[in-house]
Amino acid sequence: MIVTIELPDDIAQALAAHGEDLSRRAMEGLAVAGYQQESLSQRQVGQLLGLSRIETEDFLARHTDLYAYDPNELQREAEALEAYGQRSSR
């Protein structure tokens, strides 16, 4: 699919001021937003951007909180691991 974005000239110039490829920058923005909204998996982000698995992890680590966990979820996981450890040591 080809997507076209129209930008006012002054905004396009401001965004491109550092010599960045606006098409690539837009694609990266879509990838980050899709990942944060859980519409795209890490694998799909890599596929979209043409990155290896390690490159994708590096990219996402620079642009998102890759390991954002809800404290309640972490507590449940810790309790489940503790219960599992107690069962397996019997």
PDB file of N, CA and C in Angstrom:
ATOM      1  N   MET A   1       0.844  -1.170   0.000  1.00  0.00           N
ATOM      2  CA  MET A   1       0.000   0.000   0.000  1.00  0.00           C
ATOM      3  C   MET A   1       0.891   1.234   0.000  1.00  0.00           C
ATOM      4  N   ILE A   2       0.513   2.204  -0.760  1.00  0.00           N
ATOM      5  CA  ILE A   2       1.223   3.475  -0.788  1.00  0.00           C
ATOM      6  C   ILE A   2       0.351   4.503  -0.075  1.00  0.00           C
ATOM      7  N   VAL A   3       0.969   5.201   0.874  1.00  0.00           N
ATOM      8  CA  VAL A   3       0.271   6.233   1.629  1.00  0.00           C
ATOM      9  C   VAL A   3       0.932   7.577   1.324  1.00  0.00           C
ATOM     10  N   THR A   4       0.134   8.579   1.022  1.00  0.00           N
ATOM     11  CA  THR A   4       0.639   9.911   0.727  1.00  0.00           C
ATOM     12  C   THR A   4       0.189  10.861   1.820  1.00  0.00           C
ATOM     13  N   ILE A   5       1.107  11.684   2.282  1.00  0.00           N
ATOM     14  CA  ILE A   5       0.796  12.666   3.318  1.00  0.00           C
ATOM     15  C   ILE A   5       1.107  14.049   2.767  1.00  0.00           C
ATOM     16  N   GLU A   6       0.160  14.959   2.866  1.00  0.00           N
ATOM     17  CA  GLU A   6       0.386  16.339   2.440  1.00  0.00           C
ATOM     18  C   GLU A   6       0.734  17.171   3.663  1.00  0.00           C
ATOM     19  N   LEU A   7       1.857  17.878   3.582  1.00  0.00           N
ATOM     20  CA  LEU A   7       2.307  18.749   4.661  1.00  0.00           C
ATOM     21  C   LEU A   7       2.487  20.160   4.129  1.00  0.00           C
ATOM     22  N   PRO A   8       2.134  21.147   4.920  1.00  0.00           N
ATOM     23  CA  PRO A   8       2.473  22.511   4.521  1.00  0.00           C
ATOM     24  C   PRO A   8       3.998  22.627   4.382  1.00  0.00           C
ATOM     25  N   ASP A   9       4.446  23.442   3.440  1.00  0.00           N
ATOM     26  CA  ASP A   9       5.879  23.555   3.161  1.00  0.00           C
ATOM     27  C   ASP A   9       6.701  23.889   4.392  1.00  0.00           C
ATOM     28  N   ASP A  10       6.221  24.820   5.219  1.00  0.00           N
ATOM     29  CA  ASP A  10       7.016  25.223   6.387  1.00  0.00           C
ATOM     30  C   ASP A  10       7.169  24.074   7.387  1.00  0.00           C
ATOM     31  N   ILE A  11       6.150  23.265   7.526  1.00  0.00           N
ATOM     32  CA  ILE A  11       6.229  22.117   8.431  1.00  0.00           C
ATOM     33  C   ILE A  11       7.157  21.055   7.848  1.00  0.00           C
ATOM     34  N   ALA A  12       7.043  20.791   6.557  1.00  0.00           N
ATOM     35  CA  ALA A  12       7.934  19.824   5.911  1.00  0.00           C
ATOM     36  C   ALA A  12       9.388  20.267   6.045  1.00  0.00           C
ATOM     37  N   GLN A  13       9.661  21.556   5.861  1.00  0.00           N
ATOM     38  CA  GLN A  13      11.024  22.071   5.994  1.00  0.00           C
ATOM     39  C   GLN A  13      11.521  21.932   7.427  1.00  0.00           C
ATOM     40  N   ALA A  14      10.663  22.211   8.386  1.00  0.00           N
ATOM     41  CA  ALA A  14      11.063  22.090   9.795  1.00  0.00           C
ATOM     42  C   ALA A  14      11.376  20.638  10.151  1.00  0.00           C
ATOM     43  N   LEU A  15      10.562  19.716   9.662  1.00  0.00           N
ATOM     44  CA  LEU A  15      10.785  18.302   9.959  1.00  0.00           C
ATOM     45  C   LEU A  15      12.016  17.758   9.251  1.00  0.00           C
ATOM     46  N   ALA A  16      12.324  18.308   8.086  1.00  0.00           N
ATOM     47  CA  ALA A  16      13.464  17.829   7.306  1.00  0.00           C
ATOM     48  C   ALA A  16      14.733  18.644   7.577  1.00  0.00           C
ATOM     49  N   ALA A  17      14.691  19.539   8.550  1.00  0.00           N
ATOM     50  CA  ALA A  17      15.810  20.451   8.803  1.00  0.00           C
ATOM     51  C   ALA A  17      17.112  19.730   9.110  1.00  0.00           C
ATOM     52  N   HIS A  18      17.044  18.548   9.649  1.00  0.00           N
ATOM     53  CA  HIS A  18      18.251  17.812  10.030  1.00  0.00           C
ATOM     54  C   HIS A  18      18.668  16.813   8.955  1.00  0.00           C
ATOM     55  N   GLY A  19      18.144  16.984   7.759  1.00  0.00           N
ATOM     56  CA  GLY A  19      18.518  16.118   6.654  1.00  0.00           C
ATOM     57  C   GLY A  19      17.932  14.719   6.732  1.00  0.00           C
ATOM     58  N   GLU A  20      16.878  14.540   7.529  1.00  0.00           N
ATOM     59  CA  GLU A  20      16.264  13.226   7.684  1.00  0.00           C
ATOM     60  C   GLU A  20      15.329  12.938   6.518  1.00  0.00           C
ATOM     61  N   ASP A  21      15.173  11.679   6.218  1.00  0.00           N
ATOM     62  CA  ASP A  21      14.240  11.206   5.202  1.00  0.00           C
ATOM     63  C   ASP A  21      12.849  11.199   5.831  1.00  0.00           C
ATOM     64  N   LEU A  22      11.986  12.105   5.358  1.00  0.00           N
ATOM     65  CA  LEU A  22      10.652  12.212   5.954  1.00  0.00           C
ATOM     66  C   LEU A  22       9.814  10.955   5.757  1.00  0.00           C
ATOM     67  N   SER A  23       9.991  10.265   4.657  1.00  0.00           N
ATOM     68  CA  SER A  23       9.249   9.022   4.439  1.00  0.00           C
ATOM     69  C   SER A  23       9.636   7.994   5.490  1.00  0.00           C
ATOM     70  N   ARG A  24      10.943   7.873   5.737  1.00  0.00           N
ATOM     71  CA  ARG A  24      11.418   6.916   6.748  1.00  0.00           C
ATOM     72  C   ARG A  24      10.934   7.336   8.133  1.00  0.00           C
ATOM     73  N   ARG A  25      11.021   8.619   8.414  1.00  0.00           N
ATOM     74  CA  ARG A  25      10.585   9.125   9.724  1.00  0.00           C
ATOM     75  C   ARG A  25       9.099   8.853   9.954  1.00  0.00           C
ATOM     76  N   ALA A  26       8.297   9.029   8.913  1.00  0.00           N
ATOM     77  CA  ALA A  26       6.859   8.752   9.023  1.00  0.00           C
ATOM     78  C   ALA A  26       6.615   7.264   9.246  1.00  0.00           C
ATOM     79  N   MET A  27       7.360   6.426   8.524  1.00  0.00           N
ATOM     80  CA  MET A  27       7.213   4.977   8.672  1.00  0.00           C
ATOM     81  C   MET A  27       7.587   4.559  10.094  1.00  0.00           C
ATOM     82  N   GLU A  28       8.678   5.127  10.623  1.00  0.00           N
ATOM     83  CA  GLU A  28       9.085   4.797  11.990  1.00  0.00           C
ATOM     84  C   GLU A  28       8.034   5.244  12.994  1.00  0.00           C
ATOM     85  N   GLY A  29       7.445   6.416  12.752  1.00  0.00           N
ATOM     86  CA  GLY A  29       6.381   6.897  13.639  1.00  0.00           C
ATOM     87  C   GLY A  29       5.182   5.973  13.636  1.00  0.00           C
ATOM     88  N   LEU A  30       4.810   5.489  12.456  1.00  0.00           N
ATOM     89  CA  LEU A  30       3.706   4.532  12.362  1.00  0.00           C
ATOM     90  C   LEU A  30       4.044   3.235  13.079  1.00  0.00           C
ATOM     91  N   ALA A  31       5.286   2.789  12.930  1.00  0.00           N
ATOM     92  CA  ALA A  31       5.708   1.545  13.579  1.00  0.00           C
ATOM     93  C   ALA A  31       5.646   1.672  15.099  1.00  0.00           C
ATOM     94  N   VAL A  32       6.152   2.781  15.627  1.00  0.00           N
ATOM     95  CA  VAL A  32       6.136   3.003  17.077  1.00  0.00           C
ATOM     96  C   VAL A  32       4.705   3.082  17.582  1.00  0.00           C
ATOM     97  N   ALA A  33       3.871   3.861  16.898  1.00  0.00           N
ATOM     98  CA  ALA A  33       2.470   3.993  17.328  1.00  0.00           C
ATOM     99  C   ALA A  33       1.758   2.643  17.274  1.00  0.00           C
ATOM    100  N   GLY A  34       1.982   1.893  16.213  1.00  0.00           N
ATOM    101  CA  GLY A  34       1.353   0.577  16.096  1.00  0.00           C
ATOM    102  C   GLY A  34       1.799  -0.368  17.194  1.00  0.00           C
ATOM    103  N   TYR A  35       3.073  -0.311  17.535  1.00  0.00           N
ATOM    104  CA  TYR A  35       3.595  -1.169  18.605  1.00  0.00           C
ATOM    105  C   TYR A  35       3.020  -0.749  19.965  1.00  0.00           C
ATOM    106  N   GLN A  36       2.989   0.552  20.232  1.00  0.00           N
ATOM    107  CA  GLN A  36       2.470   1.034  21.513  1.00  0.00           C
ATOM    108  C   GLN A  36       0.985   0.727  21.676  1.00  0.00           C
ATOM    109  N   GLN A  37       0.255   0.734  20.583  1.00  0.00           N
ATOM    110  CA  GLN A  37      -1.179   0.437  20.635  1.00  0.00           C
ATOM    111  C   GLN A  37      -1.451  -1.065  20.541  1.00  0.00           C
ATOM    112  N   GLU A  38      -0.379  -1.848  20.474  1.00  0.00           N
ATOM    113  CA  GLU A  38      -0.463  -3.301  20.369  1.00  0.00           C
ATOM    114  C   GLU A  38      -1.157  -3.760  19.088  1.00  0.00           C
ATOM    115  N   SER A  39      -1.095  -2.912  18.046  1.00  0.00           N
ATOM    116  CA  SER A  39      -1.598  -3.294  16.730  1.00  0.00           C
ATOM    117  C   SER A  39      -0.539  -4.065  15.959  1.00  0.00           C
ATOM    118  N   LEU A  40       0.746  -3.786  16.262  1.00  0.00           N
ATOM    119  CA  LEU A  40       1.865  -4.446  15.607  1.00  0.00           C
ATOM    120  C   LEU A  40       2.711  -5.177  16.634  1.00  0.00           C
ATOM    121  N   SER A  41       3.166  -6.350  16.261  1.00  0.00           N
ATOM    122  CA  SER A  41       4.093  -7.097  17.109  1.00  0.00           C
ATOM    123  C   SER A  41       5.512  -6.580  16.853  1.00  0.00           C
ATOM    124  N   GLN A  42       6.433  -7.001  17.680  1.00  0.00           N
ATOM    125  CA  GLN A  42       7.830  -6.625  17.478  1.00  0.00           C
ATOM    126  C   GLN A  42       8.317  -7.143  16.119  1.00  0.00           C
ATOM    127  N   ARG A  43       7.925  -8.343  15.764  1.00  0.00           N
ATOM    128  CA  ARG A  43       8.306  -8.910  14.469  1.00  0.00           C
ATOM    129  C   ARG A  43       7.768  -8.074  13.318  1.00  0.00           C
ATOM    130  N   GLN A  44       6.521  -7.616  13.437  1.00  0.00           N
ATOM    131  CA  GLN A  44       5.928  -6.805  12.386  1.00  0.00           C
ATOM    132  C   GLN A  44       6.616  -5.451  12.259  1.00  0.00           C
ATOM    133  N   VAL A  45       7.014  -4.868  13.386  1.00  0.00           N
ATOM    134  CA  VAL A  45       7.761  -3.610  13.351  1.00  0.00           C
ATOM    135  C   VAL A  45       9.055  -3.812  12.560  1.00  0.00           C
ATOM    136  N   GLY A  46       9.771  -4.894  12.871  1.00  0.00           N
ATOM    137  CA  GLY A  46      11.002  -5.187  12.155  1.00  0.00           C
ATOM    138  C   GLY A  46      10.767  -5.387  10.671  1.00  0.00           C
ATOM    139  N   GLN A  47       9.702  -6.098  10.336  1.00  0.00           N
ATOM    140  CA  GLN A  47       9.361  -6.339   8.933  1.00  0.00           C
ATOM    141  C   GLN A  47       9.062  -5.020   8.226  1.00  0.00           C
ATOM    142  N   LEU A  48       8.273  -4.166   8.872  1.00  0.00           N
ATOM    143  CA  LEU A  48       7.899  -2.877   8.295  1.00  0.00           C
ATOM    144  C   LEU A  48       9.118  -2.009   8.020  1.00  0.00           C
ATOM    145  N   LEU A  49      10.075  -2.030   8.946  1.00  0.00           N
ATOM    146  CA  LEU A  49      11.243  -1.160   8.834  1.00  0.00           C
ATOM    147  C   LEU A  49      12.452  -1.831   8.200  1.00  0.00           C
ATOM    148  N   GLY A  50      12.332  -3.115   7.878  1.00  0.00           N
ATOM    149  CA  GLY A  50      13.449  -3.825   7.264  1.00  0.00           C
ATOM    150  C   GLY A  50      14.611  -4.037   8.217  1.00  0.00           C
ATOM    151  N   LEU A  51      14.302  -4.336   9.481  1.00  0.00           N
ATOM    152  CA  LEU A  51      15.323  -4.505  10.510  1.00  0.00           C
ATOM    153  C   LEU A  51      15.425  -5.957  10.952  1.00  0.00           C
ATOM    154  N   SER A  52      16.604  -6.337  11.425  1.00  0.00           N
ATOM    155  CA  SER A  52      16.774  -7.656  12.034  1.00  0.00           C
ATOM    156  C   SER A  52      16.104  -7.643  13.410  1.00  0.00           C
ATOM    157  N   ARG A  53      16.036  -8.794  14.045  1.00  0.00           N
ATOM    158  CA  ARG A  53      15.421  -8.873  15.377  1.00  0.00           C
ATOM    159  C   ARG A  53      16.148  -7.977  16.374  1.00  0.00           C
ATOM    160  N   ILE A  54      17.473  -8.040  16.360  1.00  0.00           N
ATOM    161  CA  ILE A  54      18.266  -7.234  17.297  1.00  0.00           C
ATOM    162  C   ILE A  54      18.110  -5.749  16.981  1.00  0.00           C
ATOM    163  N   GLU A  55      18.143  -5.393  15.703  1.00  0.00           N
ATOM    164  CA  GLU A  55      17.955  -3.994  15.308  1.00  0.00           C
ATOM    165  C   GLU A  55      16.576  -3.492  15.727  1.00  0.00           C
ATOM    166  N   THR A  56      15.572  -4.370  15.604  1.00  0.00           N
ATOM    167  CA  THR A  56      14.216  -3.991  15.999  1.00  0.00           C
ATOM    168  C   THR A  56      14.138  -3.752  17.498  1.00  0.00           C
ATOM    169  N   GLU A  57      14.763  -4.635  18.291  1.00  0.00           N
ATOM    170  CA  GLU A  57      14.774  -4.431  19.740  1.00  0.00           C
ATOM    171  C   GLU A  57      15.462  -3.120  20.089  1.00  0.00           C
ATOM    172  N   ASP A  58      16.585  -2.833  19.436  1.00  0.00           N
ATOM    173  CA  ASP A  58      17.293  -1.569  19.677  1.00  0.00           C
ATOM    174  C   ASP A  58      16.419  -0.373  19.305  1.00  0.00           C
ATOM    175  N   PHE A  59      15.763  -0.457  18.151  1.00  0.00           N
ATOM    176  CA  PHE A  59      14.881   0.619  17.701  1.00  0.00           C
ATOM    177  C   PHE A  59      13.768   0.859  18.712  1.00  0.00           C
ATOM    178  N   LEU A  60      13.092  -0.214  19.110  1.00  0.00           N
ATOM    179  CA  LEU A  60      11.983  -0.068  20.055  1.00  0.00           C
ATOM    180  C   LEU A  60      12.460   0.414  21.417  1.00  0.00           C
ATOM    181  N   ALA A  61      13.631  -0.009  21.836  1.00  0.00           N
ATOM    182  CA  ALA A  61      14.169   0.448  23.121  1.00  0.00           C
ATOM    183  C   ALA A  61      14.450   1.954  23.088  1.00  0.00           C
ATOM    184  N   ARG A  62      14.823   2.470  21.930  1.00  0.00           N
ATOM    185  CA  ARG A  62      15.088   3.909  21.804  1.00  0.00           C
ATOM    186  C   ARG A  62      13.798   4.728  21.742  1.00  0.00           C
ATOM    187  N   HIS A  63      12.700   4.114  21.295  1.00  0.00           N
ATOM    188  CA  HIS A  63      11.476   4.875  21.034  1.00  0.00           C
ATOM    189  C   HIS A  63      10.295   4.521  21.929  1.00  0.00           C
ATOM    190  N   THR A  64      10.398   3.470  22.696  1.00  0.00           N
ATOM    191  CA  THR A  64       9.283   3.073  23.562  1.00  0.00           C
ATOM    192  C   THR A  64       9.830   2.573  24.889  1.00  0.00           C
ATOM    193  N   ASP A  65       8.940   2.397  25.824  1.00  0.00           N
ATOM    194  CA  ASP A  65       9.301   1.730  27.073  1.00  0.00           C
ATOM    195  C   ASP A  65       9.056   0.249  26.826  1.00  0.00           C
ATOM    196  N   LEU A  66      10.085  -0.421  26.348  1.00  0.00           N
ATOM    197  CA  LEU A  66       9.970  -1.798  25.883  1.00  0.00           C
ATOM    198  C   LEU A  66       9.500  -2.744  26.982  1.00  0.00           C
ATOM    199  N   TYR A  67       9.819  -2.413  28.201  1.00  0.00           N
ATOM    200  CA  TYR A  67       9.483  -3.304  29.313  1.00  0.00           C
ATOM    201  C   TYR A  67       8.561  -2.615  30.309  1.00  0.00           C
ATOM    202  N   ALA A  68       7.538  -1.950  29.796  1.00  0.00           N
ATOM    203  CA  ALA A  68       6.565  -1.274  30.658  1.00  0.00           C
ATOM    204  C   ALA A  68       5.591  -2.308  31.207  1.00  0.00           C
ATOM    205  N   TYR A  69       5.656  -2.529  32.489  1.00  0.00           N
ATOM    206  CA  TYR A  69       4.765  -3.497  33.124  1.00  0.00           C
ATOM    207  C   TYR A  69       3.902  -2.793  34.161  1.00  0.00           C
ATOM    208  N   ASP A  70       2.700  -3.243  34.282  1.00  0.00           N
ATOM    209  CA  ASP A  70       1.805  -2.768  35.320  1.00  0.00           C
ATOM    210  C   ASP A  70       2.291  -3.360  36.648  1.00  0.00           C
ATOM    211  N   PRO A  71       2.427  -2.550  37.704  1.00  0.00           N
ATOM    212  CA  PRO A  71       2.905  -3.076  38.985  1.00  0.00           C
ATOM    213  C   PRO A  71       2.067  -4.232  39.509  1.00  0.00           C
ATOM    214  N   ASN A  72       0.759  -4.194  39.294  1.00  0.00           N
ATOM    215  CA  ASN A  72      -0.110  -5.290  39.738  1.00  0.00           C
ATOM    216  C   ASN A  72       0.197  -6.569  38.967  1.00  0.00           C
ATOM    217  N   GLU A  73       0.484  -6.423  37.671  1.00  0.00           N
ATOM    218  CA  GLU A  73       0.837  -7.578  36.861  1.00  0.00           C
ATOM    219  C   GLU A  73       2.149  -8.189  37.359  1.00  0.00           C
ATOM    220  N   LEU A  74       3.111  -7.344  37.677  1.00  0.00           N
ATOM    221  CA  LEU A  74       4.383  -7.840  38.205  1.00  0.00           C
ATOM    222  C   LEU A  74       4.189  -8.571  39.527  1.00  0.00           C
ATOM    223  N   GLN A  75       3.328  -8.046  40.377  1.00  0.00           N
ATOM    224  CA  GLN A  75       3.058  -8.689  41.659  1.00  0.00           C
ATOM    225  C   GLN A  75       2.435 -10.061  41.450  1.00  0.00           C
ATOM    226  N   ARG A  76       1.472 -10.156  40.540  1.00  0.00           N
ATOM    227  CA  ARG A  76       0.842 -11.452  40.239  1.00  0.00           C
ATOM    228  C   ARG A  76       1.870 -12.441  39.703  1.00  0.00           C
ATOM    229  N   GLU A  77       2.744 -11.970  38.815  1.00  0.00           N
ATOM    230  CA  GLU A  77       3.787 -12.842  38.266  1.00  0.00           C
ATOM    231  C   GLU A  77       4.734 -13.325  39.362  1.00  0.00           C
ATOM    232  N   ALA A  78       5.114 -12.430  40.266  1.00  0.00           N
ATOM    233  CA  ALA A  78       6.013 -12.799  41.357  1.00  0.00           C
ATOM    234  C   ALA A  78       5.358 -13.838  42.259  1.00  0.00           C
ATOM    235  N   GLU A  79       4.092 -13.648  42.562  1.00  0.00           N
ATOM    236  CA  GLU A  79       3.366 -14.602  43.399  1.00  0.00           C
ATOM    237  C   GLU A  79       3.246 -15.955  42.708  1.00  0.00           C
ATOM    238  N   ALA A  80       2.978 -15.940  41.401  1.00  0.00           N
ATOM    239  CA  ALA A  80       2.861 -17.192  40.653  1.00  0.00           C
ATOM    240  C   ALA A  80       4.198 -17.927  40.629  1.00  0.00           C
ATOM    241  N   LEU A  81       5.294 -17.199  40.441  1.00  0.00           N
ATOM    242  CA  LEU A  81       6.618 -17.825  40.441  1.00  0.00           C
ATOM    243  C   LEU A  81       6.971 -18.386  41.815  1.00  0.00           C
ATOM    244  N   GLU A  82       6.602 -17.646  42.837  1.00  0.00           N
ATOM    245  CA  GLU A  82       6.873 -18.125  44.196  1.00  0.00           C
ATOM    246  C   GLU A  82       6.086 -19.400  44.482  1.00  0.00           C
ATOM    247  N   ALA A  83       4.817 -19.427  44.098  1.00  0.00           N
ATOM    248  CA  ALA A  83       3.992 -20.608  44.303  1.00  0.00           C
ATOM    249  C   ALA A  83       4.545 -21.793  43.500  1.00  0.00           C
ATOM    250  N   TYR A  84       4.990 -21.532  42.289  1.00  0.00           N
ATOM    251  CA  TYR A  84       5.562 -22.583  41.458  1.00  0.00           C
ATOM    252  C   TYR A  84       6.830 -23.122  42.103  1.00  0.00           C
ATOM    253  N   GLY A  85       7.666 -22.232  42.620  1.00  0.00           N
ATOM    254  CA  GLY A  85       8.908 -22.654  43.283  1.00  0.00           C
ATOM    255  C   GLY A  85       8.636 -23.507  44.507  1.00  0.00           C
ATOM    256  N   GLN A  86       7.592 -23.166  45.249  1.00  0.00           N
ATOM    257  CA  GLN A  86       7.254 -23.950  46.430  1.00  0.00           C
ATOM    258  C   GLN A  86       6.725 -25.336  46.038  1.00  0.00           C
ATOM    259  N   ARG A  87       5.952 -25.403  44.955  1.00  0.00           N
ATOM    260  CA  ARG A  87       5.424 -26.698  44.490  1.00  0.00           C
ATOM    261  C   ARG A  87       6.533 -27.589  43.960  1.00  0.00           C
ATOM    262  N   SER A  88       7.464 -27.023  43.223  1.00  0.00           N
ATOM    263  CA  SER A  88       8.484 -27.853  42.590  1.00  0.00           C
ATOM    264  C   SER A  88       9.577 -28.284  43.563  1.00  0.00           C
ATOM    265  N   SER A  89       9.681 -27.642  44.729  1.00  0.00           N
ATOM    266  CA  SER A  89      10.697 -28.047  45.689  1.00  0.00           C
ATOM    267  C   SER A  89      10.193 -29.112  46.659  1.00  0.00           C
ATOM    268  N   ARG A  90       8.954 -29.517  46.536  1.00  0.00           N
ATOM    269  CA  ARG A  90       8.378 -30.544  47.403  1.00  0.00           C
ATOM    270  C   ARG A  90       8.750 -31.907  46.955  1.00  0.00           C
TER     271      ARG A  90
END
